[in-house]
């Protein structure tokens, strides 16, 4: 193949050497502080795309779930993409972190199955509750209450959170690969390792692992793309076209009923939304903060900006027509690919906007594969999640395992997160056990009053959720 040249240089080289392009590159590097963060534009682009690939499933899973409340599926998909794009780009530009946001799994389940279907609250009023929760979230962020919460997390729980999130991500990857399936006797067991999708996931796991060992740049992204390409001849990955026109968002846009949500009887619902949002976000920031080296002396720099992006995203999401927007643990995939700045988030956000026109292409990779038993697997992105999960266990060496008042709460966080499928629940168990062990062993004065307060709120949360 011959590349056309002009004046002895290829068009690509001439483009790169163009003064205006150089100025743009320098402006991007300066704005996102790429040199200071020891990264570059290419690495950040790869990281942003990798994160998007790892979390693209939410584009289809979220509307499929919340449409059970009577919401229009296509409008909900539009709301999912737009809310994720705005919140993620804000995280990149305002907080300069490679952390992506989208409607949260767990929050959308509570929205659908508890608030709407079980309690009989209309989805319009439920969205109103989410919007109010987002406003409260903003107020807490402005008053720096949420930053104080992050800084109040004991080191052992912070390290345990990073490890727990790692196990949770790996557990999700194993399920998506079909390696782990439910079992009525043992809860979980080994899946059919001879199934085509599972074999493809195992192939992707080996390929991605080899690429990482060989220090290939963008190993995670290359692993995803190679796995997807390998699945096409076997019908596991099906080409469904490339482009489509975006559907209308009018059926859900600004349909939230804020007045209806301003009801004393709904305060508890708003509180649960707020509670889940706060601690899912706090846990994610603490976990990916350890992985990316963002934590400085136990503190998360620009935590207020990161949480403001989350809070604004929740309000935007409710206005568009989707429940709580929160920081995503799948951001760890991009961080593991080298992402260190907000440029990666901007790329992820732009990808969410682009998918409005390329949804068939994204569905081909992130939409999943339906087995004969009706189980939905995601063999393309599963290997990346499993490997990222293993990377996040590095923090386990920072836990003082000889001090049982530290190691027991840390272990409970690590084990509860994947087994309950909840970051917030893992943190809650960690806080409660930490406070109790310190208090009853004469070390109570070493614990911040905020830790005791949060522990009490966690206890009330468990009591309330049990009553639903």
Protein backbone atom coordinates (compact mmCIF):
# COMPACT_ATOMS: atom_id res chain seq x y z
CA UNK A 1 0.00 0.00 0.00
CA UNK A 2 1.41 3.38 -1.05
CA UNK A 3 0.59 6.45 1.00
CA UNK A 4 0.26 9.56 -1.14
CA UNK A 5 2.79 12.21 -0.27
CA UNK A 6 3.09 15.90 -0.84
CA UNK A 7 6.43 17.63 -0.65
CA UNK A 8 8.08 14.43 0.56
CA UNK A 9 5.78 14.02 3.59
CA UNK A 10 2.71 11.89 4.16
CA UNK A 11 -0.61 13.73 4.76
CA UNK A 12 -0.70 12.45 8.37
CA UNK A 13 2.79 13.70 9.08
CA UNK A 14 2.05 17.07 7.51
CA UNK A 15 -1.12 17.30 9.58
CA UNK A 16 0.76 16.62 12.79
CA UNK A 17 3.42 19.17 11.92
CA UNK A 18 0.84 21.84 11.10
CA UNK A 19 1.23 24.82 13.45
CA UNK A 20 -2.48 25.02 14.26
CA UNK A 21 -2.54 21.32 15.20
CA UNK A 22 0.54 21.79 17.38
CA UNK A 23 -1.14 24.69 19.16
CA UNK A 24 -4.25 22.59 19.75
CA UNK A 25 -2.21 19.68 21.13
CA UNK A 26 -0.31 21.99 23.48
CA UNK A 27 -3.56 23.57 24.65
CA UNK A 28 -5.03 20.15 25.43
CA UNK A 29 -1.87 19.05 27.24
CA UNK A 30 -1.85 22.24 29.30
CA UNK A 31 -5.57 22.20 30.17
CA UNK A 32 -5.57 18.57 31.35
CA UNK A 33 -2.04 18.78 32.85
CA UNK A 34 -1.00 15.69 30.88
CA UNK A 35 2.77 16.07 31.41
CA UNK A 36 2.31 16.58 35.14
CA UNK A 37 0.18 13.43 35.27
CA UNK A 38 2.75 11.52 33.23
CA UNK A 39 0.37 10.73 30.38
CA UNK A 40 -0.30 11.80 26.80
CA UNK A 41 -3.19 12.36 24.41
CA UNK A 42 -2.95 8.94 22.77
CA UNK A 43 -3.04 7.13 26.10
CA UNK A 44 -6.01 9.17 27.30
CA UNK A 45 -7.97 8.52 24.09
CA UNK A 46 -7.39 4.78 24.40
CA UNK A 47 -8.38 4.89 28.09
CA UNK A 48 -11.56 6.80 27.33
CA UNK A 49 -12.63 4.35 24.63
CA UNK A 50 -11.76 1.39 26.87
CA UNK A 51 -13.95 2.73 29.68
CA UNK A 52 -16.80 3.30 27.24
CA UNK A 53 -16.53 -0.25 25.91
CA UNK A 54 -16.57 -1.64 29.45
CA UNK A 55 -19.74 0.23 30.42
CA UNK A 56 -21.57 0.37 27.07
CA UNK A 57 -23.99 -2.30 28.31
CA UNK A 58 -25.80 0.34 30.38
CA UNK A 59 -27.08 1.93 27.15
CA UNK A 60 -29.37 -1.07 26.67
CA UNK A 61 -29.69 -2.52 30.19
CA UNK A 62 -30.92 0.67 31.88
CA UNK A 63 -33.82 1.40 29.47
CA UNK A 64 -34.76 -2.30 29.43
CA UNK A 65 -35.16 -2.17 33.20
CA UNK A 66 -36.82 1.20 33.76
CA UNK A 67 -39.18 0.78 30.78
CA UNK A 68 -40.99 -1.81 32.93
CA UNK A 69 -42.44 1.16 34.80
CA UNK A 70 -44.22 2.35 31.63
CA UNK A 71 -41.44 4.63 30.36
CA UNK A 72 -40.74 4.63 26.62
CA UNK A 73 -37.70 2.40 25.90
CA UNK A 74 -36.21 4.52 23.12
CA UNK A 75 -36.62 7.75 25.07
CA UNK A 76 -35.03 6.09 28.10
CA UNK A 77 -32.08 5.01 25.95
CA UNK A 78 -31.65 8.60 24.74
CA UNK A 79 -31.84 9.84 28.33
CA UNK A 80 -29.24 7.28 29.40
CA UNK A 81 -26.74 8.39 26.73
CA UNK A 82 -27.25 12.13 27.12
CA UNK A 83 -27.14 12.11 30.94
CA UNK A 84 -24.02 9.91 30.89
CA UNK A 85 -22.35 12.15 28.30
CA UNK A 86 -23.03 15.43 30.13
CA UNK A 87 -21.99 14.12 33.55
CA UNK A 88 -18.87 12.37 32.24
CA UNK A 89 -17.70 15.34 30.18
CA UNK A 90 -18.26 17.60 33.20
CA UNK A 91 -16.16 15.20 35.28
CA UNK A 92 -13.39 15.52 32.69
CA UNK A 93 -13.49 19.28 32.19
CA UNK A 94 -14.34 20.36 35.75
CA UNK A 95 -12.68 17.74 37.95
CA UNK A 96 -9.99 16.45 35.54
CA UNK A 97 -10.47 12.80 36.48
CA UNK A 98 -10.80 9.76 34.16
CA UNK A 99 -14.00 8.69 35.89
CA UNK A 100 -17.13 8.04 33.82
CA UNK A 101 -20.70 8.37 35.01
CA UNK A 102 -24.03 6.88 33.94
CA UNK A 103 -27.33 5.74 35.49
CA UNK A 104 -26.35 3.39 38.29
CA UNK A 105 -27.12 -0.29 38.45
CA UNK A 106 -28.76 -0.81 41.81
CA UNK A 107 -30.31 2.63 41.83
CA UNK A 108 -32.28 1.81 38.69
CA UNK A 109 -33.36 -1.51 40.23
CA UNK A 110 -34.59 0.29 43.37
CA UNK A 111 -36.33 2.86 41.15
CA UNK A 112 -38.07 0.20 39.06
CA UNK A 113 -38.87 -2.73 41.33
CA UNK A 114 -39.33 -1.07 44.72
CA UNK A 115 -40.46 2.51 44.17
CA UNK A 116 -42.59 2.08 41.05
CA UNK A 117 -43.69 -1.55 40.86
CA UNK A 118 -43.89 -2.49 44.56
CA UNK A 119 -44.94 0.83 46.12
CA UNK A 120 -47.05 1.87 43.11
CA UNK A 121 -45.47 5.31 42.67
CA UNK A 122 -45.62 6.63 39.10
CA UNK A 123 -42.35 6.93 37.23
CA UNK A 124 -42.95 10.68 36.85
CA UNK A 125 -43.07 11.17 40.63
CA UNK A 126 -40.16 8.77 41.10
CA UNK A 127 -38.09 10.92 38.72
CA UNK A 128 -39.16 13.92 40.78
CA UNK A 129 -37.73 12.20 43.86
CA UNK A 130 -34.45 11.58 42.00
CA UNK A 131 -34.28 15.24 40.94
CA UNK A 132 -34.81 16.44 44.53
CA UNK A 133 -32.16 13.98 45.67
CA UNK A 134 -29.79 15.50 43.13
CA UNK A 135 -30.47 19.00 44.49
CA UNK A 136 -29.75 17.79 48.03
CA UNK A 137 -26.62 16.16 46.67
CA UNK A 138 -25.48 19.52 45.26
CA UNK A 139 -26.16 21.24 48.58
CA UNK A 140 -24.14 18.62 50.48
CA UNK A 141 -21.31 19.02 47.97
CA UNK A 142 -21.29 22.83 48.20
CA UNK A 143 -21.16 22.62 51.99
CA UNK A 144 -18.27 20.13 51.66
CA UNK A 145 -20.17 17.58 53.74
CA UNK A 146 -19.52 14.84 51.20
CA UNK A 147 -15.82 15.65 51.00
CA UNK A 148 -15.72 15.34 54.78
CA UNK A 149 -17.29 11.89 54.42
CA UNK A 150 -14.55 10.75 52.03
CA UNK A 151 -11.83 12.08 54.30
CA UNK A 152 -13.47 10.42 57.33
CA UNK A 153 -13.16 6.95 55.81
CA UNK A 154 -10.57 5.02 57.86
CA UNK A 155 -7.56 3.86 55.85
CA UNK A 156 -8.35 0.17 56.36
CA UNK A 157 -11.87 0.63 54.96
CA UNK A 158 -10.52 2.69 52.06
CA UNK A 159 -8.08 -0.06 51.12
CA UNK A 160 -10.77 -2.66 51.68
CA UNK A 161 -13.10 -0.71 49.40
CA UNK A 162 -10.59 -0.76 46.54
CA UNK A 163 -10.17 -4.52 46.94
CA UNK A 164 -13.91 -5.11 47.35
CA UNK A 165 -14.66 -3.17 44.18
CA UNK A 166 -11.98 -5.22 42.45
CA UNK A 167 -13.64 -8.48 43.48
CA UNK A 168 -17.04 -7.07 42.48
CA UNK A 169 -15.77 -6.10 39.03
CA UNK A 170 -14.12 -9.50 38.58
CA UNK A 171 -17.31 -11.25 39.78
CA UNK A 172 -19.34 -9.31 37.22
CA UNK A 173 -16.80 -10.27 34.56
CA UNK A 174 -16.99 -13.96 35.50
CA UNK A 175 -20.79 -13.84 35.30
CA UNK A 176 -20.70 -11.99 31.98
CA UNK A 177 -18.31 -14.65 30.67
CA UNK A 178 -20.63 -17.47 31.75
CA UNK A 179 -17.93 -18.92 34.02
CA UNK A 180 -20.08 -18.35 37.10
CA UNK A 181 -23.81 -19.12 37.11
CA UNK A 182 -26.52 -19.28 39.78
CA UNK A 183 -27.24 -22.55 41.55
CA UNK A 184 -30.16 -23.32 43.88
CA UNK A 185 -28.01 -25.47 46.18
CA UNK A 186 -24.76 -23.49 46.38
CA UNK A 187 -25.97 -20.07 45.17
CA UNK A 188 -23.22 -19.98 42.52
CA UNK A 189 -21.31 -22.63 40.62
CA UNK A 190 -19.13 -23.18 37.55
CA UNK A 191 -20.90 -22.51 34.27
CA UNK A 192 -20.65 -24.37 30.98
CA UNK A 193 -17.02 -23.79 30.04
CA UNK A 194 -17.60 -25.42 26.65
CA UNK A 195 -20.23 -22.89 25.60
CA UNK A 196 -19.21 -20.77 22.59
CA UNK A 197 -19.53 -17.43 24.38
CA UNK A 198 -17.59 -18.67 27.41
CA UNK A 199 -14.84 -20.06 25.19
CA UNK A 200 -14.66 -16.69 23.44
CA UNK A 201 -14.36 -14.94 26.82
CA UNK A 202 -11.55 -17.31 27.85
CA UNK A 203 -9.82 -16.58 24.55
CA UNK A 204 -10.17 -12.84 25.23
CA UNK A 205 -8.81 -13.30 28.76
CA UNK A 206 -5.66 -15.01 27.48
CA UNK A 207 -5.17 -12.54 24.62
CA UNK A 208 -5.58 -9.50 26.89
CA UNK A 209 -3.29 -11.03 29.49
CA UNK A 210 -0.57 -11.68 26.90
CA UNK A 211 -0.87 -8.13 25.57
CA UNK A 212 -0.47 -6.75 29.10
CA UNK A 213 2.53 -8.95 29.82
CA UNK A 214 4.11 -7.80 26.55
CA UNK A 215 3.46 -4.16 27.62
CA UNK A 216 1.44 -3.42 24.49
CA UNK A 217 -0.05 0.08 24.69
CA UNK A 218 -3.83 -0.01 24.84
CA UNK A 219 -3.80 -3.71 25.74
CA UNK A 220 -7.31 -3.61 27.22
CA UNK A 221 -8.83 -1.95 24.16
CA UNK A 222 -6.96 -4.23 21.76
CA UNK A 223 -8.13 -7.21 23.77
CA UNK A 224 -11.76 -6.12 23.44
CA UNK A 225 -11.46 -5.49 19.70
CA UNK A 226 -9.63 -8.77 18.99
CA UNK A 227 -12.19 -10.72 21.02
CA UNK A 228 -15.05 -9.04 19.15
CA UNK A 229 -13.44 -9.83 15.79
CA UNK A 230 -12.90 -13.46 16.81
CA UNK A 231 -16.57 -13.80 17.74
CA UNK A 232 -17.94 -12.71 14.35
CA UNK A 233 -17.21 -15.93 12.37
CA UNK A 234 -18.91 -18.02 15.06
CA UNK A 235 -22.07 -15.90 15.19
CA UNK A 236 -21.43 -14.82 18.79
CA UNK A 237 -20.95 -11.25 17.64
CA UNK A 238 -23.49 -10.32 14.99
CA UNK A 239 -23.19 -7.36 12.66
CA UNK A 240 -26.42 -5.35 12.95
CA UNK A 241 -25.45 -2.39 10.84
CA UNK A 242 -23.48 0.69 11.75
CA UNK A 243 -25.64 3.82 11.83
CA UNK A 244 -29.19 4.77 12.83
CA UNK A 245 -31.10 7.96 13.51
CA UNK A 246 -31.53 8.86 17.20
CA UNK A 247 -35.05 8.25 18.57
CA UNK A 248 -37.11 10.98 20.24
CA UNK A 249 -36.60 11.76 23.93
CA UNK A 250 -39.85 13.73 24.26
CA UNK A 251 -41.80 10.92 26.02
CA UNK A 252 -39.52 11.28 29.09
CA UNK A 253 -37.91 14.73 28.74
CA UNK A 254 -38.95 17.05 31.61
CA UNK A 255 -41.72 14.63 32.58
CA UNK A 256 -40.57 14.46 36.21
CA UNK A 257 -43.24 15.43 38.73
CA UNK A 258 -41.40 17.51 41.33
CA UNK A 259 -44.58 18.80 42.95
CA UNK A 260 -45.86 15.25 43.37
CA UNK A 261 -42.53 14.25 44.90
CA UNK A 262 -42.80 17.04 47.51
CA UNK A 263 -44.81 14.81 49.78
CA UNK A 264 -43.87 14.01 53.37
CA UNK A 265 -44.58 10.36 52.69
CA UNK A 266 -41.90 10.28 50.00
CA UNK A 267 -39.10 11.75 52.13
CA UNK A 268 -37.88 8.27 53.00
CA UNK A 269 -37.69 7.36 49.29
CA UNK A 270 -35.67 10.52 48.56
CA UNK A 271 -33.38 9.68 51.50
CA UNK A 272 -32.71 6.17 50.18
CA UNK A 273 -31.91 7.52 46.71
CA UNK A 274 -29.54 10.06 48.31
CA UNK A 275 -27.98 7.46 50.59
CA UNK A 276 -27.31 5.02 47.76
CA UNK A 277 -25.93 7.77 45.53
CA UNK A 278 -23.59 9.18 48.17
CA UNK A 279 -21.99 5.94 49.22
CA UNK A 280 -21.84 4.32 45.81
CA UNK A 281 -20.01 7.43 44.61
CA UNK A 282 -17.79 7.71 47.69
CA UNK A 283 -16.89 4.03 47.38
CA UNK A 284 -16.12 4.32 43.67
CA UNK A 285 -13.97 7.42 44.14
CA UNK A 286 -12.05 5.77 46.97
CA UNK A 287 -11.59 2.55 44.99
CA UNK A 288 -10.47 4.00 41.67
CA UNK A 289 -8.54 6.66 43.58
CA UNK A 290 -6.34 3.93 45.05
CA UNK A 291 -5.98 2.22 41.67
CA UNK A 292 -5.01 5.41 39.82
CA UNK A 293 -2.85 6.82 42.58
CA UNK A 294 -5.16 9.83 42.99
CA UNK A 295 -5.36 9.57 46.78
CA UNK A 296 -2.89 11.90 48.50
CA UNK A 297 -2.26 11.24 52.21
CA UNK A 298 -5.71 9.73 52.58
CA UNK A 299 -7.43 12.58 50.76
CA UNK A 300 -9.00 12.74 47.31
CA UNK A 301 -7.93 16.03 45.62
CA UNK A 302 -10.75 17.95 43.93
CA UNK A 303 -13.26 15.61 45.56
CA UNK A 304 -15.81 18.43 45.64
CA UNK A 305 -15.58 18.89 41.89
CA UNK A 306 -15.86 15.16 41.25
CA UNK A 307 -18.94 14.91 43.45
CA UNK A 308 -20.49 18.03 41.94
CA UNK A 309 -20.24 16.36 38.52
CA UNK A 310 -22.06 13.39 40.01
CA UNK A 311 -24.75 15.56 41.59
CA UNK A 312 -25.36 17.63 38.46
CA UNK A 313 -25.48 14.41 36.45
CA UNK A 314 -28.28 13.10 38.67
CA UNK A 315 -30.36 16.25 38.12
CA UNK A 316 -29.72 16.18 34.36
CA UNK A 317 -30.60 12.49 34.26
CA UNK A 318 -33.90 13.03 36.07
CA UNK A 319 -34.76 15.87 33.68
CA UNK A 320 -33.97 13.67 30.67
CA UNK A 321 -35.81 10.66 32.03
CA UNK A 322 -33.49 8.29 33.89
CA UNK A 323 -32.83 7.52 37.56
CA UNK A 324 -29.70 8.36 39.55
CA UNK A 325 -26.49 9.02 37.62
CA UNK A 326 -23.40 7.93 39.51
CA UNK A 327 -19.67 7.27 39.09
CA UNK A 328 -18.93 3.91 37.46
CA UNK A 329 -16.53 1.27 38.72
CA UNK A 330 -15.90 0.31 35.08
CA UNK A 331 -13.80 3.49 34.94
CA UNK A 332 -11.11 1.25 36.41
CA UNK A 333 -10.75 -0.36 32.97
CA UNK A 334 -9.67 2.95 31.45
CA UNK A 335 -7.47 3.82 34.43
CA UNK A 336 -5.78 0.43 34.11
CA UNK A 337 -5.14 1.34 30.46
CA UNK A 338 -3.21 4.40 31.59
CA UNK A 339 -5.93 7.03 31.89
CA UNK A 340 -4.96 9.67 34.42
CA UNK A 341 -6.73 12.87 33.31
CA UNK A 342 -10.14 14.23 32.47
CA UNK A 343 -9.36 13.94 28.77
CA UNK A 344 -10.23 10.23 29.03
CA UNK A 345 -13.62 11.19 30.49
CA UNK A 346 -14.24 13.68 27.68
CA UNK A 347 -13.57 10.92 25.15
CA UNK A 348 -15.94 8.56 27.00
CA UNK A 349 -18.62 11.26 27.12
CA UNK A 350 -18.26 11.99 23.40
CA UNK A 351 -18.59 8.26 22.74
CA UNK A 352 -21.94 8.29 24.57
CA UNK A 353 -23.08 11.09 22.24
CA UNK A 354 -21.74 9.31 19.15
CA UNK A 355 -23.61 6.14 20.06
CA UNK A 356 -26.87 7.98 19.40
CA UNK A 357 -25.97 7.62 15.72
CA UNK A 358 -24.05 4.34 15.94
CA UNK A 359 -26.15 2.29 18.36
CA UNK A 360 -26.19 -0.84 16.11
CA UNK A 361 -22.37 -0.90 16.13
CA UNK A 362 -22.17 -0.49 19.92
CA UNK A 363 -24.87 -3.11 20.45
CA UNK A 364 -22.73 -5.52 18.43
CA UNK A 365 -19.96 -5.27 21.06
CA UNK A 366 -21.73 -4.36 24.29
CA UNK A 367 -25.25 -5.67 23.74
CA UNK A 368 -24.45 -9.22 24.80
CA UNK A 369 -25.04 -12.78 23.57
CA UNK A 370 -28.19 -14.75 24.44
CA UNK A 371 -27.50 -18.43 25.21
CA UNK A 372 -29.92 -21.26 24.45
CA UNK A 373 -30.89 -21.21 28.14
CA UNK A 374 -31.87 -17.55 27.87
CA UNK A 375 -28.86 -16.24 29.81
CA UNK A 376 -27.40 -12.95 28.60
CA UNK A 377 -23.60 -13.02 28.45
CA UNK A 378 -21.12 -10.29 27.54
CA UNK A 379 -18.02 -12.23 26.48
CA UNK A 380 -16.40 -9.28 24.71
CA UNK A 381 -15.96 -7.00 27.72
CA UNK A 382 -15.88 -9.71 30.43
CA UNK A 383 -12.11 -10.40 30.12
CA UNK A 384 -11.26 -6.73 30.71
CA UNK A 385 -13.38 -6.64 33.87
CA UNK A 386 -11.79 -9.80 35.25
CA UNK A 387 -8.27 -8.48 34.68
CA UNK A 388 -9.09 -5.02 36.09
CA UNK A 389 -10.53 -6.73 39.16
CA UNK A 390 -7.23 -8.51 39.73
CA UNK A 391 -5.34 -5.21 39.42
CA UNK A 392 -7.45 -3.57 42.11
CA UNK A 393 -6.39 -6.14 44.71
CA UNK A 394 -2.99 -4.46 44.98
CA UNK A 395 -4.26 -2.38 47.90
CA UNK A 396 -4.69 -5.51 50.03
CA UNK A 397 -1.01 -5.29 51.02
CA UNK A 398 -1.62 -1.89 52.64
CA UNK A 399 -3.99 -3.34 55.25
CA UNK A 400 -2.48 -4.00 58.69
CA UNK A 401 -3.58 -7.63 59.07
CA UNK A 402 -2.02 -7.87 62.54
CA UNK A 403 -4.40 -5.23 63.92
CA UNK A 404 -7.72 -7.07 64.05
CA UNK A 405 -9.66 -3.86 64.75
CA UNK A 406 -8.53 -2.77 61.26
CA UNK A 407 -8.27 -6.05 59.38
CA UNK A 408 -11.68 -7.48 60.32
CA UNK A 409 -13.65 -4.42 59.04
CA UNK A 410 -11.44 -4.35 55.93
CA UNK A 411 -12.08 -8.04 55.27
CA UNK A 412 -15.83 -7.58 55.73
CA UNK A 413 -15.81 -4.76 53.17
CA UNK A 414 -13.84 -6.91 50.74
CA UNK A 415 -16.10 -9.95 51.03
CA UNK A 416 -19.50 -8.24 51.38
CA UNK A 417 -19.24 -6.03 48.28
CA UNK A 418 -19.15 -8.83 45.71
CA UNK A 419 -21.51 -11.12 47.62
CA UNK A 420 -24.21 -8.44 47.97
CA UNK A 421 -23.45 -6.80 44.61
CA UNK A 422 -23.37 -3.44 46.38
CA UNK A 423 -20.58 -0.97 47.08
CA UNK A 424 -22.75 0.94 49.56
CA UNK A 425 -23.59 -2.21 51.55
CA UNK A 426 -19.92 -3.19 51.78
CA UNK A 427 -18.98 0.26 53.09
CA UNK A 428 -21.90 0.16 55.54
CA UNK A 429 -20.79 -3.16 57.05
CA UNK A 430 -17.22 -1.86 57.22
CA UNK A 431 -18.19 1.32 59.07
CA UNK A 432 -20.46 -0.46 61.56
CA UNK A 433 -17.92 -3.19 62.38
CA UNK A 434 -15.05 -0.68 62.60
CA UNK A 435 -16.93 1.55 65.04
CA UNK A 436 -18.05 -1.39 67.19
CA UNK A 437 -14.62 -3.02 67.40
CA UNK A 438 -12.84 0.25 68.21
CA UNK A 439 -15.47 1.23 70.79
CA UNK A 440 -15.55 -2.10 72.63
CA UNK A 441 -11.76 -2.48 72.74
CA UNK A 442 -11.08 0.86 74.41
CA UNK A 443 -10.02 2.64 71.22
CA UNK A 444 -13.21 4.64 70.80
CA UNK A 445 -11.54 8.02 71.27
CA UNK A 446 -9.35 7.40 68.22
CA UNK A 447 -12.42 7.30 65.99
CA UNK A 448 -13.93 10.45 64.45
CA UNK A 449 -17.42 11.41 65.56
CA UNK A 450 -18.40 11.43 61.89
CA UNK A 451 -17.57 7.73 61.65
CA UNK A 452 -19.94 7.00 64.56
CA UNK A 453 -22.64 9.16 62.98
CA UNK A 454 -22.32 7.43 59.62
CA UNK A 455 -22.36 4.03 61.33
CA UNK A 456 -25.65 4.94 63.04
CA UNK A 457 -27.12 6.05 59.71
CA UNK A 458 -26.02 2.78 58.13
CA UNK A 459 -27.84 0.84 60.86
CA UNK A 460 -31.00 2.89 60.23
CA UNK A 461 -30.61 2.24 56.50
CA UNK A 462 -30.61 -1.53 57.05
CA UNK A 463 -33.65 -1.29 59.32
CA UNK A 464 -35.56 0.83 56.81
CA UNK A 465 -34.77 -1.27 53.74
CA UNK A 466 -35.87 -4.37 55.63
CA UNK A 467 -39.29 -2.78 56.15
CA UNK A 468 -39.83 -2.18 52.42
